[in-house]
Amino acid sequence: MKTLKDIRVGDTVSVKKLHGEGAVKRRIMDMGITKGVEVYVRKVAPLGDPVEINVRGYELSLRKADAQMIEVE
């Protein structure tokens, strides 16, 4: 299983599945990260947290813990 946390800077991936439950999963979905959406990894902070991504035309910063819940292909 490959998660958003494992993707290198400059790569574009497609969201396959969201793991996690309740409020956390709802928050990720509210940010526009849903199954089938394209996600471009813009940059990763020097210590690896947070990860900056582009999704649905806007920029977003995600914690590593949240990025790990997003399965991609």
N, C-alpha and C. Protein backbone atom coordinates (compact mmCIF):
# COMPACT_ATOMS: atom_id res chain seq x y z
N MET A 1 0.84 -1.20 0.00
CA MET A 1 0.00 0.00 0.00
C MET A 1 0.88 1.25 0.00
N LYS A 2 0.61 2.14 -0.91
CA LYS A 2 1.37 3.37 -1.04
C LYS A 2 0.49 4.52 -0.52
N THR A 3 1.06 5.35 0.35
CA THR A 3 0.29 6.49 0.87
C THR A 3 0.87 7.80 0.37
N LEU A 4 0.13 8.87 0.57
CA LEU A 4 0.57 10.20 0.14
C LEU A 4 1.88 10.58 0.81
N LYS A 5 2.13 10.06 1.99
CA LYS A 5 3.36 10.34 2.73
C LYS A 5 4.59 9.81 1.99
N ASP A 6 4.43 8.75 1.20
CA ASP A 6 5.55 8.12 0.50
C ASP A 6 5.88 8.75 -0.86
N ILE A 7 5.03 9.63 -1.34
CA ILE A 7 5.20 10.19 -2.68
C ILE A 7 6.28 11.27 -2.69
N ARG A 8 7.09 11.27 -3.75
CA ARG A 8 8.17 12.25 -3.88
C ARG A 8 7.65 13.58 -4.40
N VAL A 9 8.40 14.64 -4.12
CA VAL A 9 8.07 15.98 -4.59
C VAL A 9 8.07 15.98 -6.12
N GLY A 10 7.05 16.61 -6.70
CA GLY A 10 6.96 16.69 -8.15
C GLY A 10 6.10 15.62 -8.78
N ASP A 11 5.68 14.63 -8.01
CA ASP A 11 4.85 13.55 -8.55
C ASP A 11 3.37 13.87 -8.41
N THR A 12 2.59 13.38 -9.37
CA THR A 12 1.14 13.51 -9.32
C THR A 12 0.56 12.11 -9.18
N VAL A 13 -0.34 11.95 -8.24
CA VAL A 13 -0.95 10.65 -7.98
C VAL A 13 -2.46 10.79 -7.90
N SER A 14 -3.13 9.66 -7.92
CA SER A 14 -4.59 9.62 -7.82
C SER A 14 -4.96 8.98 -6.48
N VAL A 15 -5.94 9.57 -5.79
CA VAL A 15 -6.36 9.03 -4.50
C VAL A 15 -7.16 7.75 -4.74
N LYS A 16 -6.75 6.67 -4.05
CA LYS A 16 -7.39 5.37 -4.21
C LYS A 16 -8.40 5.13 -3.09
N LYS A 17 -7.98 5.45 -1.86
CA LYS A 17 -8.85 5.18 -0.70
C LYS A 17 -8.43 6.05 0.48
N LEU A 18 -9.41 6.41 1.31
CA LEU A 18 -9.12 7.15 2.53
C LEU A 18 -9.26 6.21 3.73
N HIS A 19 -8.22 6.15 4.55
CA HIS A 19 -8.28 5.34 5.76
C HIS A 19 -8.60 6.28 6.92
N GLY A 20 -8.70 5.74 8.11
CA GLY A 20 -9.07 6.59 9.25
C GLY A 20 -10.57 6.63 9.37
N GLU A 21 -11.05 7.27 10.40
CA GLU A 21 -12.49 7.28 10.60
C GLU A 21 -12.98 8.54 11.29
N GLY A 22 -14.28 8.71 11.28
CA GLY A 22 -14.92 9.81 11.99
C GLY A 22 -14.47 11.18 11.55
N ALA A 23 -14.16 12.03 12.52
CA ALA A 23 -13.86 13.44 12.28
C ALA A 23 -12.63 13.63 11.40
N VAL A 24 -11.62 12.81 11.58
CA VAL A 24 -10.38 12.96 10.80
C VAL A 24 -10.66 12.70 9.32
N LYS A 25 -11.34 11.61 9.02
CA LYS A 25 -11.67 11.28 7.63
C LYS A 25 -12.57 12.36 7.02
N ARG A 26 -13.53 12.82 7.79
CA ARG A 26 -14.45 13.87 7.34
C ARG A 26 -13.67 15.16 7.00
N ARG A 27 -12.70 15.51 7.85
CA ARG A 27 -11.90 16.72 7.63
C ARG A 27 -11.09 16.61 6.34
N ILE A 28 -10.51 15.44 6.10
CA ILE A 28 -9.73 15.22 4.87
C ILE A 28 -10.65 15.35 3.65
N MET A 29 -11.84 14.77 3.73
CA MET A 29 -12.79 14.86 2.62
C MET A 29 -13.27 16.30 2.42
N ASP A 30 -13.44 17.04 3.50
CA ASP A 30 -13.86 18.44 3.41
C ASP A 30 -12.81 19.31 2.72
N MET A 31 -11.55 18.88 2.76
CA MET A 31 -10.47 19.61 2.09
C MET A 31 -10.45 19.33 0.59
N GLY A 32 -11.33 18.46 0.13
CA GLY A 32 -11.39 18.16 -1.29
C GLY A 32 -10.64 16.91 -1.69
N ILE A 33 -10.10 16.20 -0.72
CA ILE A 33 -9.36 14.98 -1.02
C ILE A 33 -10.34 13.81 -0.94
N THR A 34 -10.79 13.38 -2.11
CA THR A 34 -11.75 12.28 -2.19
C THR A 34 -11.24 11.26 -3.19
N LYS A 35 -11.86 10.10 -3.21
CA LYS A 35 -11.46 9.02 -4.09
C LYS A 35 -11.46 9.48 -5.55
N GLY A 36 -10.35 9.17 -6.25
CA GLY A 36 -10.25 9.48 -7.67
C GLY A 36 -9.66 10.84 -8.01
N VAL A 37 -9.51 11.73 -7.03
CA VAL A 37 -8.99 13.07 -7.30
C VAL A 37 -7.46 13.02 -7.49
N GLU A 38 -6.96 13.90 -8.37
CA GLU A 38 -5.52 13.98 -8.64
C GLU A 38 -4.86 14.88 -7.59
N VAL A 39 -3.73 14.44 -7.09
CA VAL A 39 -2.98 15.21 -6.08
C VAL A 39 -1.55 15.37 -6.55
N TYR A 40 -1.06 16.62 -6.56
CA TYR A 40 0.31 16.92 -6.95
C TYR A 40 1.09 17.31 -5.70
N VAL A 41 2.22 16.64 -5.45
CA VAL A 41 3.04 16.94 -4.28
C VAL A 41 3.99 18.09 -4.63
N ARG A 42 3.75 19.26 -4.04
CA ARG A 42 4.50 20.47 -4.34
C ARG A 42 5.83 20.53 -3.60
N LYS A 43 5.77 20.33 -2.29
CA LYS A 43 7.02 20.32 -1.53
C LYS A 43 6.83 19.71 -0.16
N VAL A 44 7.94 19.32 0.43
CA VAL A 44 7.93 18.74 1.76
C VAL A 44 8.83 19.61 2.63
N ALA A 45 8.36 20.00 3.79
CA ALA A 45 9.15 20.83 4.70
C ALA A 45 10.45 20.11 5.07
N PRO A 46 11.49 20.88 5.43
CA PRO A 46 12.80 20.29 5.74
C PRO A 46 12.78 19.10 6.70
N LEU A 47 11.94 19.12 7.70
CA LEU A 47 11.90 18.00 8.63
C LEU A 47 10.83 16.97 8.24
N GLY A 48 10.24 17.15 7.05
CA GLY A 48 9.27 16.18 6.55
C GLY A 48 7.83 16.46 6.92
N ASP A 49 7.60 17.47 7.72
CA ASP A 49 6.24 17.78 8.16
C ASP A 49 6.03 19.29 8.12
N PRO A 50 5.08 19.85 7.47
CA PRO A 50 4.02 19.20 6.70
C PRO A 50 4.41 18.97 5.23
N VAL A 51 3.50 18.33 4.52
CA VAL A 51 3.64 18.08 3.09
C VAL A 51 2.72 19.08 2.38
N GLU A 52 3.25 19.79 1.38
CA GLU A 52 2.42 20.74 0.64
C GLU A 52 1.97 20.09 -0.65
N ILE A 53 0.66 20.13 -0.88
CA ILE A 53 0.11 19.51 -2.09
C ILE A 53 -0.81 20.48 -2.83
N ASN A 54 -1.06 20.18 -4.09
CA ASN A 54 -2.06 20.89 -4.88
C ASN A 54 -3.18 19.90 -5.14
N VAL A 55 -4.40 20.31 -4.83
CA VAL A 55 -5.56 19.45 -5.07
C VAL A 55 -6.72 20.33 -5.51
N ARG A 56 -7.37 19.95 -6.62
CA ARG A 56 -8.51 20.71 -7.16
C ARG A 56 -8.19 22.19 -7.37
N GLY A 57 -6.95 22.48 -7.76
CA GLY A 57 -6.58 23.86 -8.09
C GLY A 57 -6.18 24.73 -6.92
N TYR A 58 -6.08 24.19 -5.72
CA TYR A 58 -5.60 25.01 -4.61
C TYR A 58 -4.51 24.29 -3.82
N GLU A 59 -3.77 25.08 -3.06
CA GLU A 59 -2.66 24.54 -2.28
C GLU A 59 -3.13 24.18 -0.88
N LEU A 60 -2.51 23.12 -0.36
CA LEU A 60 -2.93 22.58 0.92
C LEU A 60 -1.71 22.04 1.65
N SER A 61 -1.65 22.22 2.95
CA SER A 61 -0.59 21.62 3.75
C SER A 61 -1.21 20.53 4.62
N LEU A 62 -0.57 19.37 4.61
CA LEU A 62 -1.06 18.23 5.37
C LEU A 62 0.00 17.72 6.32
N ARG A 63 -0.39 17.35 7.51
CA ARG A 63 0.55 16.72 8.43
C ARG A 63 0.87 15.33 7.92
N LYS A 64 2.04 14.82 8.29
CA LYS A 64 2.43 13.48 7.87
C LYS A 64 1.43 12.43 8.33
N ALA A 65 0.91 12.61 9.53
CA ALA A 65 -0.07 11.65 10.08
C ALA A 65 -1.31 11.58 9.21
N ASP A 66 -1.75 12.74 8.69
CA ASP A 66 -2.93 12.76 7.82
C ASP A 66 -2.58 12.20 6.44
N ALA A 67 -1.40 12.55 5.92
CA ALA A 67 -0.98 12.07 4.61
C ALA A 67 -0.87 10.55 4.59
N GLN A 68 -0.56 9.97 5.73
CA GLN A 68 -0.40 8.52 5.83
C GLN A 68 -1.76 7.80 5.69
N MET A 69 -2.83 8.50 5.92
CA MET A 69 -4.17 7.90 5.84
C MET A 69 -4.72 7.91 4.42
N ILE A 70 -4.01 8.57 3.50
CA ILE A 70 -4.51 8.69 2.13
C ILE A 70 -3.76 7.72 1.23
N GLU A 71 -4.46 6.67 0.82
CA GLU A 71 -3.86 5.65 -0.06
C GLU A 71 -3.94 6.16 -1.50
N VAL A 72 -2.82 6.07 -2.21
CA VAL A 72 -2.75 6.59 -3.58
C VAL A 72 -2.21 5.55 -4.54
N GLU A 73 -2.36 5.84 -5.85
CA GLU A 73 -1.78 4.98 -6.88
C GLU A 73 -1.22 5.82 -8.00
